[in-house]
Amino acid sequence: MTKLHELADLGQSIWFDNIYRSLMTFGELQSLIDKGLRGITSNPSIFEKAIDNSSDYDADIREMVSGGKSVDEIYEKLVTDDVRNAADMMRPVYDATEGSDGFVSLEVSPDLANDTEQTIVDARHLFAVLDRPNVLIKVPATPAGIPAIETLISEGININVTLMFSLEHYEVVAKAYIAGLEKLVESGGDARRVASVASFFLSRIDTAVDKELEKTGNTELRGRIAIASAKAAYARFQEIFSGSRWERLVKAGARVQRPLWASTSTKNPDYPDTLYVDNLIGPDTVNTIPPATLEAFLDHGSVALTVETGTEEARSHLSQLSGLGIDLDAITEKLQDDGVDAFAKAFETLITRLSEKKEQLSAQ
């Protein structure tokens, strides 16, 4: 038994925040599954690195170029093949957990972050193309993304809500999920077949807030605000997913929308490398971990129920931050905007590189 199995016993699932073709073809993914891995997440930055920094995809690209495929068609085929193959490898986990785990995530085009209708169209398309029950379509928690999330959940499409940075982001996401489930049940749909996670990004919060703390001379709160925000969100999760409204959905077979801790690599070398894992362990949570952090946690991470400890201290830290005149809401709104821009830039870079490869192969 590894630490990942121990976390599962405490109610937390560890997902791998990375995907690339050789992960599936050379046994690495199966090894991670054997160690207790229960899911995979991807994003445009991950795929940009996987495809641009590897020759694993060249044969497929060459074949599609010969077949006259467009760059957009080539991109979709490459990423959906990887996600579908990973989902097939994760399927035993999905079956063993009766649909609670074993998921693989793929994001809608980041260019659609501010377009509700096209986000819905793209998500429907990807879910149909992937054609696996254990895939999640990632939709950002932007103002345009929220109504798309509600609609997609109401249609029985699994959603990983991404780019959440604040308690306000979390609350509107959770409410959209519940509203979507209610519409699904009212229309005769099966709530038991729908899964969703709400991805709360962490290290970027501390990176941004620490810069503001430096200006005030405060050192006590450095490296504490991301975890404080996550603990406040978890407490709100427990409140939202309780009471008569939620219990009616439970009777229809609904599952909670689990909080997912994302951006869990420690950016500041002064902080412990398992900071965003050790301190947020608890029931009905997911932590999606990049390779180096996963290796570190398996080596020296701590396994204990921690997400519900120190909640009042967390609230005190958030209050102290406000008292210093630091506007956390403004910071987190900018972080969401910056996150959308970063994913869009990675996507644009990937499309550009695929265009270049297409031209090179066409000339041969």
Protein backbone atom coordinates (compact mmCIF):
# COMPACT_ATOMS: atom_id res chain seq x y z
CA MET A 1 0.00 0.00 0.00
CA THR A 2 1.30 3.45 -0.96
CA LYS A 3 0.45 6.86 0.44
CA LEU A 4 -2.00 7.30 -2.44
CA HIS A 5 -3.97 4.28 -1.20
CA GLU A 6 -3.88 5.73 2.31
CA LEU A 7 -5.28 9.02 1.02
CA ALA A 8 -8.06 7.14 -0.79
CA ASP A 9 -8.98 5.53 2.54
CA LEU A 10 -9.37 9.07 3.93
CA GLY A 11 -11.61 10.08 1.04
CA GLN A 12 -9.13 11.96 -1.12
CA SER A 13 -8.30 10.98 -4.70
CA ILE A 14 -4.95 11.80 -6.28
CA TRP A 15 -4.99 12.64 -9.98
CA PHE A 16 -1.98 13.18 -12.22
CA ASP A 17 -1.66 16.68 -13.65
CA ASN A 18 0.05 15.64 -16.86
CA ILE A 19 -0.51 13.61 -20.00
CA TYR A 20 1.69 12.61 -22.91
CA ARG A 21 1.61 9.70 -25.32
CA SER A 22 4.49 7.69 -23.84
CA LEU A 23 2.76 7.83 -20.46
CA MET A 24 0.35 5.25 -21.83
CA THR A 25 2.62 3.33 -24.21
CA PHE A 26 5.58 2.58 -21.95
CA GLY A 27 3.78 1.43 -18.82
CA GLU A 28 4.23 4.55 -16.70
CA LEU A 29 0.52 5.21 -16.34
CA GLN A 30 -0.22 1.64 -15.35
CA SER A 31 2.54 1.82 -12.75
CA LEU A 32 0.96 4.97 -11.31
CA ILE A 33 -2.47 3.32 -11.26
CA ASP A 34 -0.96 0.39 -9.37
CA LYS A 35 0.40 2.89 -6.85
CA GLY A 36 -3.08 4.32 -6.30
CA LEU A 37 -3.51 7.04 -8.93
CA ARG A 38 -7.21 7.66 -9.55
CA GLY A 39 -7.40 10.16 -12.42
CA ILE A 40 -5.65 12.46 -14.89
CA THR A 41 -6.02 16.12 -15.78
CA SER A 42 -4.74 17.99 -18.82
CA ASN A 43 -4.74 21.56 -20.07
CA PRO A 44 -3.53 23.41 -23.18
CA SER A 45 -0.11 24.06 -21.61
CA ILE A 46 0.37 20.35 -20.91
CA PHE A 47 -0.54 19.35 -24.46
CA GLU A 48 1.61 22.11 -25.93
CA LYS A 49 4.66 20.72 -24.11
CA ALA A 50 3.77 17.09 -24.87
CA ILE A 51 3.34 17.56 -28.61
CA ASP A 52 6.02 20.19 -29.22
CA ASN A 53 8.75 18.50 -27.16
CA SER A 54 8.28 14.98 -28.47
CA SER A 55 8.45 13.02 -31.70
CA ASP A 56 5.76 10.63 -30.42
CA TYR A 57 3.11 12.40 -32.46
CA ASP A 58 5.01 12.90 -35.72
CA ALA A 59 3.80 9.73 -37.44
CA ASP A 60 0.16 10.62 -36.78
CA ILE A 61 0.72 14.20 -37.90
CA ARG A 62 2.38 12.99 -41.10
CA GLU A 63 -0.51 10.63 -41.83
CA MET A 64 -3.11 13.33 -41.27
CA VAL A 65 -1.18 15.82 -43.40
CA SER A 66 -1.15 13.26 -46.21
CA GLY A 67 -4.89 12.88 -45.73
CA GLY A 68 -5.45 16.61 -46.16
CA LYS A 69 -6.52 17.29 -42.59
CA SER A 70 -6.57 20.86 -41.29
CA VAL A 71 -4.47 21.98 -38.32
CA ASP A 72 -7.57 22.10 -36.10
CA GLU A 73 -8.49 18.56 -37.13
CA ILE A 74 -4.94 17.38 -36.44
CA TYR A 75 -4.97 18.98 -32.99
CA GLU A 76 -8.30 17.46 -32.04
CA LYS A 77 -7.31 13.99 -33.21
CA LEU A 78 -4.03 14.04 -31.29
CA VAL A 79 -5.48 15.19 -27.97
CA THR A 80 -8.68 13.14 -28.09
CA ASP A 81 -6.70 10.00 -28.91
CA ASP A 82 -4.52 10.57 -25.84
CA VAL A 83 -7.48 11.30 -23.57
CA ARG A 84 -9.48 8.35 -24.90
CA ASN A 85 -6.54 5.96 -24.43
CA ALA A 86 -5.90 7.26 -20.92
CA ALA A 87 -9.61 6.91 -20.09
CA ASP A 88 -9.53 3.29 -21.24
CA MET A 89 -6.59 2.61 -18.95
CA MET A 90 -8.36 4.37 -16.06
CA ARG A 91 -11.63 2.51 -16.73
CA PRO A 92 -10.96 -0.25 -14.15
CA VAL A 93 -10.68 2.46 -11.49
CA TYR A 94 -13.94 4.00 -12.69
CA ASP A 95 -15.69 0.62 -12.54
CA ALA A 96 -14.20 -0.35 -9.17
CA THR A 97 -15.32 2.95 -7.61
CA GLU A 98 -18.76 2.74 -9.27
CA GLY A 99 -18.17 5.91 -11.25
CA SER A 100 -16.67 7.99 -8.46
CA ASP A 101 -13.14 8.06 -9.89
CA GLY A 102 -11.02 7.03 -12.84
CA PHE A 103 -11.60 10.23 -14.81
CA VAL A 104 -9.51 11.97 -17.47
CA SER A 105 -10.08 15.67 -18.26
CA LEU A 106 -9.88 17.60 -21.53
CA GLU A 107 -10.42 21.35 -21.82
CA VAL A 108 -12.65 23.22 -24.24
CA SER A 109 -10.78 25.69 -26.43
CA PRO A 110 -9.43 28.47 -24.17
CA ASP A 111 -10.42 30.95 -26.87
CA LEU A 112 -14.03 30.36 -25.81
CA ALA A 113 -13.65 31.42 -22.17
CA ASN A 114 -15.89 34.45 -22.70
CA ASP A 115 -18.38 32.80 -25.07
CA THR A 116 -21.15 30.83 -23.37
CA GLU A 117 -22.84 29.38 -26.43
CA GLN A 118 -19.67 28.26 -28.20
CA THR A 119 -18.36 26.74 -24.96
CA ILE A 120 -21.53 24.64 -24.81
CA VAL A 121 -21.13 23.61 -28.46
CA ASP A 122 -17.46 22.68 -28.01
CA ALA A 123 -18.08 20.75 -24.79
CA ARG A 124 -20.92 18.76 -26.36
CA HIS A 125 -18.72 17.96 -29.34
CA LEU A 126 -15.72 16.82 -27.29
CA PHE A 127 -17.85 14.69 -24.95
CA ALA A 128 -19.45 12.97 -27.94
CA VAL A 129 -16.13 12.45 -29.77
CA LEU A 130 -14.43 11.00 -26.70
CA ASP A 131 -17.40 8.72 -26.09
CA ARG A 132 -16.28 7.48 -22.70
CA PRO A 133 -18.24 7.71 -19.43
CA ASN A 134 -15.07 8.50 -17.47
CA VAL A 135 -14.07 11.74 -19.18
CA LEU A 136 -14.58 15.24 -17.82
CA ILE A 137 -14.80 18.30 -20.03
CA LYS A 138 -13.00 21.27 -18.50
CA VAL A 139 -14.87 24.58 -18.55
CA PRO A 140 -13.47 27.74 -16.91
CA ALA A 141 -15.32 29.42 -14.04
CA THR A 142 -15.54 32.70 -15.95
CA PRO A 143 -18.79 34.70 -16.00
CA ALA A 144 -19.50 33.20 -19.44
CA GLY A 145 -18.51 29.74 -18.27
CA ILE A 146 -20.97 29.55 -15.36
CA PRO A 147 -24.20 29.34 -17.42
CA ALA A 148 -22.45 26.90 -19.77
CA ILE A 149 -21.64 24.67 -16.79
CA GLU A 150 -25.27 24.65 -15.65
CA THR A 151 -26.49 23.79 -19.15
CA LEU A 152 -23.94 21.03 -19.69
CA ILE A 153 -24.63 19.40 -16.34
CA SER A 154 -28.36 19.51 -17.15
CA GLU A 155 -27.53 17.50 -20.29
CA GLY A 156 -25.62 14.85 -18.33
CA ILE A 157 -22.14 15.93 -19.45
CA ASN A 158 -19.34 15.46 -16.90
CA ILE A 159 -17.61 18.75 -16.11
CA ASN A 160 -14.32 19.72 -14.50
CA VAL A 161 -14.73 23.40 -13.64
CA THR A 162 -11.33 25.05 -13.91
CA LEU A 163 -9.61 28.33 -13.01
CA MET A 164 -11.28 29.00 -9.67
CA PHE A 165 -9.28 31.22 -7.33
CA SER A 166 -11.75 32.61 -4.81
CA LEU A 167 -14.60 31.69 -2.52
CA GLU A 168 -16.90 33.72 -4.75
CA HIS A 169 -15.81 31.70 -7.78
CA TYR A 170 -16.46 28.50 -5.84
CA GLU A 171 -19.95 29.45 -4.66
CA VAL A 172 -21.31 30.32 -8.11
CA VAL A 173 -19.80 27.12 -9.53
CA ALA A 174 -21.36 24.88 -6.86
CA LYS A 175 -24.74 26.55 -7.32
CA ALA A 176 -24.54 26.14 -11.11
CA TYR A 177 -23.84 22.42 -10.61
CA ILE A 178 -26.85 21.98 -8.32
CA ALA A 179 -29.12 23.96 -10.64
CA GLY A 180 -27.94 21.87 -13.58
CA LEU A 181 -28.63 18.64 -11.70
CA GLU A 182 -32.14 19.82 -10.82
CA LYS A 183 -32.88 20.49 -14.48
CA LEU A 184 -31.47 17.09 -15.40
CA VAL A 185 -33.66 15.28 -12.87
CA GLU A 186 -36.75 17.31 -13.85
CA SER A 187 -36.26 16.28 -17.48
CA GLY A 188 -36.02 12.61 -16.55
CA GLY A 189 -32.23 12.33 -16.74
CA ASP A 190 -30.12 10.06 -14.55
CA ALA A 191 -28.20 12.05 -11.93
CA ARG A 192 -26.21 8.95 -11.00
CA ARG A 193 -24.31 9.13 -14.28
CA VAL A 194 -23.07 12.71 -13.86
CA ALA A 195 -19.76 13.65 -12.25
CA SER A 196 -18.15 17.02 -11.62
CA VAL A 197 -15.20 18.55 -9.80
CA ALA A 198 -14.53 22.19 -8.98
CA SER A 199 -10.84 23.02 -9.45
CA PHE A 200 -9.45 25.55 -6.98
CA PHE A 201 -6.01 26.85 -8.02
CA LEU A 202 -3.59 27.34 -5.13
CA SER A 203 0.08 28.20 -5.63
CA ARG A 204 -0.67 31.10 -7.94
CA ILE A 205 -2.64 32.72 -5.10
CA ASP A 206 0.35 32.66 -2.75
CA THR A 207 2.69 33.89 -5.49
CA ALA A 208 0.50 36.94 -6.10
CA VAL A 209 -0.42 37.63 -2.47
CA ASP A 210 3.16 37.25 -1.21
CA LYS A 211 4.21 40.08 -3.51
CA GLU A 212 1.62 42.34 -1.90
CA LEU A 213 2.62 41.22 1.59
CA GLU A 214 6.22 42.20 0.88
CA LYS A 215 5.04 45.76 0.31
CA THR A 216 3.45 45.85 3.78
CA GLY A 217 6.37 44.20 5.55
CA ASN A 218 4.12 41.38 6.80
CA THR A 219 5.86 37.99 6.91
CA GLU A 220 3.39 36.08 9.07
CA LEU A 221 0.90 35.49 6.25
CA ARG A 222 3.38 34.52 3.54
CA GLY A 223 2.51 31.15 2.05
CA ARG A 224 -0.70 30.88 4.07
CA ILE A 225 -3.44 32.53 2.02
CA ALA A 226 -3.92 29.84 -0.64
CA ILE A 227 -4.47 27.14 1.98
CA ALA A 228 -6.67 29.47 4.02
CA SER A 229 -8.79 30.15 0.93
CA ALA A 230 -9.06 26.43 0.16
CA LYS A 231 -10.10 25.59 3.71
CA ALA A 232 -12.75 28.30 3.60
CA ALA A 233 -14.00 26.87 0.30
CA TYR A 234 -14.13 23.36 1.77
CA ALA A 235 -16.19 24.61 4.70
CA ARG A 236 -18.57 26.25 2.23
CA PHE A 237 -18.68 23.00 0.23
CA GLN A 238 -19.93 21.19 3.32
CA GLU A 239 -22.64 23.81 3.81
CA ILE A 240 -23.81 23.88 0.19
CA PHE A 241 -23.96 20.12 -0.18
CA SER A 242 -26.31 19.61 2.75
CA GLY A 243 -29.87 20.54 3.62
CA SER A 244 -33.21 19.72 2.04
CA ARG A 245 -32.45 21.02 -1.46
CA TRP A 246 -29.37 18.84 -1.80
CA GLU A 247 -30.99 15.85 -0.10
CA ARG A 248 -33.67 15.78 -2.79
CA LEU A 249 -30.93 15.36 -5.38
CA VAL A 250 -29.17 12.72 -3.28
CA LYS A 251 -32.38 10.68 -3.37
CA ALA A 252 -32.18 10.90 -7.18
CA GLY A 253 -28.65 9.49 -7.04
CA ALA A 254 -26.64 12.72 -7.32
CA ARG A 255 -23.01 12.89 -6.27
CA VAL A 256 -21.37 15.90 -4.66
CA GLN A 257 -19.22 18.10 -6.84
CA ARG A 258 -15.86 17.45 -5.22
CA PRO A 259 -13.43 20.31 -4.59
CA LEU A 260 -10.24 19.68 -6.55
CA TRP A 261 -6.99 21.28 -5.43
CA ALA A 262 -5.04 22.37 -8.52
CA SER A 263 -1.79 24.25 -9.14
CA THR A 264 -0.25 22.29 -6.29
CA SER A 265 3.43 22.53 -7.19
CA THR A 266 5.22 24.84 -4.76
CA LYS A 267 6.51 27.86 -6.66
CA ASN A 268 8.52 29.30 -3.75
CA PRO A 269 11.56 27.11 -2.89
CA ASP A 270 11.36 28.36 0.70
CA TYR A 271 8.09 26.45 1.16
CA PRO A 272 7.78 22.68 1.65
CA ASP A 273 7.42 20.91 -1.68
CA THR A 274 4.31 19.08 -0.46
CA LEU A 275 2.71 22.17 1.11
CA TYR A 276 -0.47 22.07 -1.00
CA VAL A 277 -0.96 18.35 -0.51
CA ASP A 278 -0.23 17.77 3.18
CA ASN A 279 -2.51 20.56 4.38
CA LEU A 280 -5.65 19.84 2.34
CA ILE A 281 -6.46 16.16 2.88
CA GLY A 282 -10.05 15.22 3.56
CA PRO A 283 -13.21 13.43 2.43
CA ASP A 284 -14.73 14.14 -0.99
CA THR A 285 -11.67 15.97 -2.29
CA VAL A 286 -9.30 15.54 -5.23
CA ASN A 287 -5.72 16.77 -5.51
CA THR A 288 -4.28 16.89 -9.01
CA ILE A 289 -0.51 16.73 -8.72
CA PRO A 290 2.28 17.35 -11.26
CA PRO A 291 5.05 14.76 -11.56
CA ALA A 292 7.69 16.32 -9.27
CA THR A 293 5.18 17.00 -6.50
CA LEU A 294 3.77 13.49 -6.77
CA GLU A 295 7.26 12.03 -6.43
CA ALA A 296 7.93 14.26 -3.43
CA PHE A 297 4.69 13.31 -1.72
CA LEU A 298 5.28 9.59 -2.21
CA ASP A 299 8.73 10.06 -0.70
CA HIS A 300 8.07 12.28 2.30
CA GLY A 301 4.49 13.59 2.28
CA SER A 302 2.28 13.38 5.36
CA VAL A 303 -1.00 11.46 5.41
CA ALA A 304 -3.54 12.86 7.88
CA LEU A 305 -6.95 14.50 7.84
CA THR A 306 -6.04 18.18 7.60
CA VAL A 307 -8.53 20.07 5.43
CA GLU A 308 -10.94 20.62 8.32
CA THR A 309 -8.30 21.54 10.89
CA GLY A 310 -7.49 25.18 11.55
CA THR A 311 -10.56 26.50 9.75
CA GLU A 312 -10.98 29.38 12.19
CA GLU A 313 -7.30 30.21 11.88
CA ALA A 314 -7.73 30.21 8.10
CA ARG A 315 -10.60 32.67 8.36
CA SER A 316 -8.46 34.81 10.67
CA HIS A 317 -5.67 34.87 8.09
CA LEU A 318 -8.10 36.04 5.41
CA SER A 319 -9.41 38.73 7.76
CA GLN A 320 -5.88 39.88 8.59
CA LEU A 321 -5.12 40.16 4.89
CA SER A 322 -8.10 42.44 4.42
CA GLY A 323 -6.96 44.47 7.42
CA LEU A 324 -3.66 45.09 5.69
CA GLY A 325 -5.55 46.68 2.81
CA ILE A 326 -4.86 43.82 0.40
CA ASP A 327 -7.84 43.17 -1.87
CA LEU A 328 -7.90 39.40 -2.33
CA ASP A 329 -10.94 39.56 -4.61
CA ALA A 330 -9.13 41.86 -7.01
CA ILE A 331 -6.09 39.60 -6.96
CA THR A 332 -8.11 36.46 -7.68
CA GLU A 333 -10.06 38.09 -10.50
CA LYS A 334 -6.77 39.05 -12.14
CA LEU A 335 -5.44 35.53 -11.58
CA GLN A 336 -8.44 34.10 -13.39
CA ASP A 337 -7.98 36.52 -16.30
CA ASP A 338 -4.27 35.72 -16.42
CA GLY A 339 -5.03 31.98 -16.32
CA VAL A 340 -7.37 32.27 -19.30
CA ASP A 341 -4.72 34.27 -21.17
CA ALA A 342 -1.97 31.76 -20.32
CA PHE A 343 -3.99 28.79 -21.58
CA ALA A 344 -4.98 30.72 -24.71
CA LYS A 345 -1.33 31.57 -25.37
CA ALA A 346 -0.28 27.92 -24.91
CA PHE A 347 -3.06 26.83 -27.26
CA GLU A 348 -2.01 29.42 -29.84
CA THR A 349 1.62 28.28 -29.57
CA LEU A 350 0.59 24.67 -30.08
CA ILE A 351 -1.53 25.49 -33.13
CA THR A 352 1.36 27.51 -34.56
CA ARG A 353 3.80 24.62 -34.06
CA LEU A 354 1.35 22.17 -35.64
CA SER A 355 1.00 24.53 -38.61
CA GLU A 356 4.78 24.62 -38.97
CA LYS A 357 5.03 20.84 -38.78
CA LYS A 358 2.23 20.52 -41.32
CA GLU A 359 4.09 22.79 -43.74
CA GLN A 360 7.38 20.95 -43.20
CA LEU A 361 5.81 17.55 -43.80
CA SER A 362 3.82 18.80 -46.80
CA ALA A 363 7.08 19.96 -48.43
CA GLN A 364 8.74 16.56 -48.05
